[in-house]
Amino acid sequence: MSHPEPAAFPELVLRAVELADRLGFDRSCRPEHGRLLQALAAGAAGRIGETGTGCGVGLGWLLAGRRPGVRVVSVEREAERVAAVRELFADVADLEIVHGDWTAIGAHGPFDLLVLDGGGNGKQSPPADPDVLLTPGGTLVVDDLTPLTAWPPTYRGRPDTGRAVWYDHPSLLTTEVRLAPDLATLLATRRP
């Protein structure tokens, strides 16, 4: 993915962008979303989780924003990317990169902030359970969505069940944030 202003990126993000470029991985976290992750990470008091590490670009934004002592766990299903990101961030304390599908994140929670990323990991079929994975008052981020243009939500002319599950969840207060004309993110807070 082309990153328009890399000089303004945190050092950990720059390292991950270089890895993604080297590996030809073009599905990295966009800067608009990364800045949001950085800000949200600052509010976490204990643990941050992420599904879909990729080459660590989103992870770099989370790490750049977190407070000292906050543990971060990221799960990636591709072994080669796990090895590369572990090596890339070997000098970062309180970080664990787990090899497995998105459900492996459950053993490391509950989280103050959980980012469901990477090609649908935990977003649907079945979706992640915020009652198990989030602390009360914790924040869930569901990213990589096209912006909502009508209600009820649709995607490619059909009901958008991947989005509706979060709007309809009884334990969550959910809103959509448009980050760019073609990019939206759902932010959900677990009711205390």
Protein backbone atom coordinates (compact mmCIF):
# COMPACT_ATOMS: atom_id res chain seq x y z
CA MET A 1 0.00 0.00 0.00
CA SER A 2 1.26 3.45 -0.80
CA HIS A 3 1.68 5.63 2.27
CA PRO A 4 1.53 9.35 1.41
CA GLU A 5 3.48 10.95 4.26
CA PRO A 6 5.83 8.37 5.79
CA ALA A 7 8.09 10.99 7.38
CA ALA A 8 5.25 11.81 9.80
CA PHE A 9 4.80 8.18 10.87
CA PRO A 10 5.99 6.81 14.22
CA GLU A 11 9.22 4.82 13.94
CA LEU A 12 7.51 1.46 14.58
CA VAL A 13 5.02 2.17 11.79
CA LEU A 14 7.83 3.07 9.38
CA ARG A 15 9.54 -0.24 10.15
CA ALA A 16 6.32 -2.15 9.44
CA VAL A 17 5.62 -0.21 6.22
CA GLU A 18 9.11 -1.11 4.98
CA LEU A 19 8.44 -4.79 5.80
CA ALA A 20 5.10 -4.69 3.98
CA ASP A 21 6.75 -3.11 0.93
CA ARG A 22 9.54 -5.69 1.00
CA LEU A 23 7.04 -8.59 1.19
CA GLY A 24 4.64 -7.09 -1.36
CA PHE A 25 1.84 -6.99 1.23
CA ASP A 26 -0.62 -4.36 -0.01
CA ARG A 27 -3.42 -4.71 2.55
CA SER A 28 -1.79 -2.80 5.41
CA CYS A 29 -3.56 -0.42 7.76
CA ARG A 30 -4.17 2.93 6.11
CA PRO A 31 -2.81 6.08 7.80
CA GLU A 32 -6.31 7.41 8.51
CA HIS A 33 -7.13 4.27 10.45
CA GLY A 34 -3.69 4.07 12.03
CA ARG A 35 -4.00 7.51 13.59
CA LEU A 36 -7.32 6.47 15.12
CA LEU A 37 -5.73 3.30 16.52
CA GLN A 38 -2.89 5.33 18.00
CA ALA A 39 -5.36 7.62 19.79
CA LEU A 40 -7.52 4.73 21.03
CA ALA A 41 -4.48 2.83 22.31
CA ALA A 42 -3.67 5.73 24.63
CA GLY A 43 -6.90 5.03 26.52
CA ALA A 44 -6.16 1.36 27.25
CA ALA A 45 -5.08 0.66 30.82
CA GLY A 46 -4.24 -3.05 30.72
CA ARG A 47 -4.44 -4.97 27.44
CA ILE A 48 -4.82 -4.32 23.74
CA GLY A 49 -5.67 -7.09 21.27
CA GLU A 50 -5.59 -7.27 17.49
CA THR A 51 -6.61 -9.93 15.01
CA GLY A 52 -4.86 -9.94 11.64
CA THR A 53 -1.31 -8.73 12.26
CA GLY A 54 -0.42 -8.61 8.57
CA CYS A 55 3.03 -7.01 8.40
CA GLY A 56 2.49 -5.06 11.61
CA VAL A 57 1.50 -1.63 10.29
CA GLY A 58 -1.68 -1.36 12.39
CA LEU A 59 0.22 -2.96 15.25
CA GLY A 60 2.88 -0.27 14.93
CA TRP A 61 0.22 2.43 15.31
CA LEU A 62 -1.18 0.68 18.40
CA LEU A 63 2.28 0.35 19.93
CA ALA A 64 3.05 4.00 19.22
CA GLY A 65 -0.03 5.10 21.15
CA ARG A 66 -0.10 2.73 24.10
CA ARG A 67 0.92 3.70 27.61
CA PRO A 68 3.96 2.11 29.27
CA GLY A 69 3.20 -1.32 30.72
CA VAL A 70 0.11 -1.97 28.56
CA ARG A 71 0.34 -5.45 27.08
CA VAL A 72 -0.40 -5.93 23.36
CA VAL A 73 -1.30 -9.26 21.74
CA SER A 74 -1.73 -9.67 17.99
CA VAL A 75 -2.86 -12.83 16.21
CA GLU A 76 -1.90 -13.71 12.63
CA ARG A 77 -2.78 -16.88 10.70
CA GLU A 78 0.13 -16.75 8.22
CA ALA A 79 3.27 -18.26 9.79
CA GLU A 80 5.67 -16.36 7.53
CA ARG A 81 4.22 -12.99 8.56
CA VAL A 82 4.26 -14.02 12.23
CA ALA A 83 7.99 -14.76 12.01
CA ALA A 84 8.73 -11.53 10.14
CA VAL A 85 6.77 -9.32 12.56
CA ARG A 86 8.25 -11.05 15.60
CA GLU A 87 11.70 -10.30 14.25
CA LEU A 88 10.73 -6.74 13.32
CA PHE A 89 9.45 -5.93 16.82
CA ALA A 90 11.82 -8.17 18.82
CA ASP A 91 12.98 -5.15 20.85
CA VAL A 92 9.44 -4.11 21.91
CA ALA A 93 8.42 -4.95 25.49
CA ASP A 94 4.99 -6.27 26.50
CA LEU A 95 4.18 -7.50 22.98
CA GLU A 96 3.21 -10.99 21.86
CA ILE A 97 2.59 -12.08 18.27
CA VAL A 98 0.53 -15.28 18.23
CA HIS A 99 0.30 -17.67 15.29
CA GLY A 100 -3.25 -18.90 14.77
CA ASP A 101 -6.69 -17.97 13.57
CA TRP A 102 -8.50 -15.04 15.16
CA THR A 103 -10.03 -17.19 17.92
CA ALA A 104 -6.59 -17.53 19.53
CA ILE A 105 -7.01 -13.97 20.83
CA GLY A 106 -9.52 -15.24 23.42
CA ALA A 107 -6.86 -16.86 25.58
CA HIS A 108 -5.21 -13.46 26.11
CA GLY A 109 -8.20 -11.28 27.04
CA PRO A 110 -10.25 -9.58 28.16
CA PHE A 111 -9.08 -6.40 26.46
CA ASP A 112 -9.54 -2.69 27.05
CA LEU A 113 -9.19 -2.26 23.27
CA LEU A 114 -9.73 -4.99 20.67
CA VAL A 115 -9.18 -4.40 16.96
CA LEU A 116 -10.84 -6.88 14.60
CA ASP A 117 -8.75 -6.64 11.49
CA GLY A 118 -7.52 -8.63 8.56
CA GLY A 119 -10.01 -9.98 6.09
CA GLY A 120 -12.96 -10.64 8.37
CA ASN A 121 -11.13 -12.14 11.33
CA GLY A 122 -13.67 -12.08 14.14
CA LYS A 123 -16.00 -9.75 12.27
CA GLN A 124 -18.47 -12.48 11.31
CA SER A 125 -19.06 -16.23 11.00
CA PRO A 126 -19.10 -16.34 14.03
CA PRO A 127 -18.35 -12.86 15.29
CA ALA A 128 -16.14 -12.21 18.29
CA ASP A 129 -18.04 -12.14 21.59
CA PRO A 130 -17.58 -8.74 23.26
CA ASP A 131 -18.95 -10.08 26.56
CA VAL A 132 -15.95 -12.43 26.73
CA LEU A 133 -13.26 -10.45 24.91
CA LEU A 134 -13.80 -6.92 26.26
CA THR A 135 -13.55 -5.47 29.74
CA PRO A 136 -16.67 -3.54 30.81
CA GLY A 137 -16.31 -0.15 29.12
CA GLY A 138 -13.78 -1.63 26.68
CA THR A 139 -13.65 -0.55 23.03
CA LEU A 140 -14.08 -2.76 19.98
CA VAL A 141 -12.84 -1.56 16.57
CA VAL A 142 -14.20 -3.18 13.42
CA ASP A 143 -12.29 -1.79 10.47
CA ASP A 144 -11.97 -1.94 6.70
CA LEU A 145 -15.58 -1.06 5.95
CA THR A 146 -17.02 0.96 3.11
CA PRO A 147 -18.86 4.01 4.49
CA LEU A 148 -22.53 3.61 5.30
CA THR A 149 -24.73 5.42 2.77
CA ALA A 150 -28.22 4.27 3.77
CA TRP A 151 -30.15 2.66 6.59
CA PRO A 152 -30.51 -0.22 7.11
CA PRO A 153 -26.89 -1.09 6.22
CA THR A 154 -26.38 -2.90 2.94
CA TYR A 155 -23.33 -4.20 1.14
CA ARG A 156 -23.45 -4.97 -2.57
CA GLY A 157 -27.22 -4.75 -2.52
CA ARG A 158 -27.76 -7.18 0.36
CA PRO A 159 -28.27 -6.69 4.09
CA ASP A 160 -24.87 -6.04 5.66
CA THR A 161 -24.89 -8.71 8.36
CA GLY A 162 -21.21 -8.09 9.09
CA ARG A 163 -22.08 -4.57 10.20
CA ALA A 164 -25.53 -5.23 11.67
CA VAL A 165 -24.23 -7.75 14.21
CA TRP A 166 -22.37 -4.92 15.98
CA TYR A 167 -25.19 -2.39 15.76
CA ASP A 168 -27.67 -4.94 17.12
CA HIS A 169 -25.50 -6.46 19.87
CA PRO A 170 -27.20 -5.84 23.25
CA SER A 171 -23.90 -5.36 25.10
CA LEU A 172 -22.51 -2.71 22.74
CA LEU A 173 -23.01 0.95 21.98
CA THR A 174 -21.86 1.23 18.37
CA THR A 175 -21.20 4.07 15.97
CA GLU A 176 -19.54 4.40 12.61
CA VAL A 177 -16.69 6.80 11.95
CA ARG A 178 -15.90 7.81 8.37
CA LEU A 179 -12.13 8.09 8.05
CA ALA A 180 -11.94 8.78 4.31
CA PRO A 181 -14.46 8.93 1.46
CA ASP A 182 -13.92 5.18 0.92
CA LEU A 183 -13.10 4.01 4.46
CA ALA A 184 -15.15 3.61 7.62
CA THR A 185 -14.65 1.99 11.01
CA LEU A 186 -17.12 0.87 13.62
CA LEU A 187 -16.34 1.84 17.21
CA ALA A 188 -18.25 -0.04 19.87
CA THR A 189 -18.08 0.27 23.64
CA ARG A 190 -19.08 -2.61 25.90
CA ARG A 191 -21.76 -1.48 28.30
CA PRO A 192 -20.51 -1.56 31.91
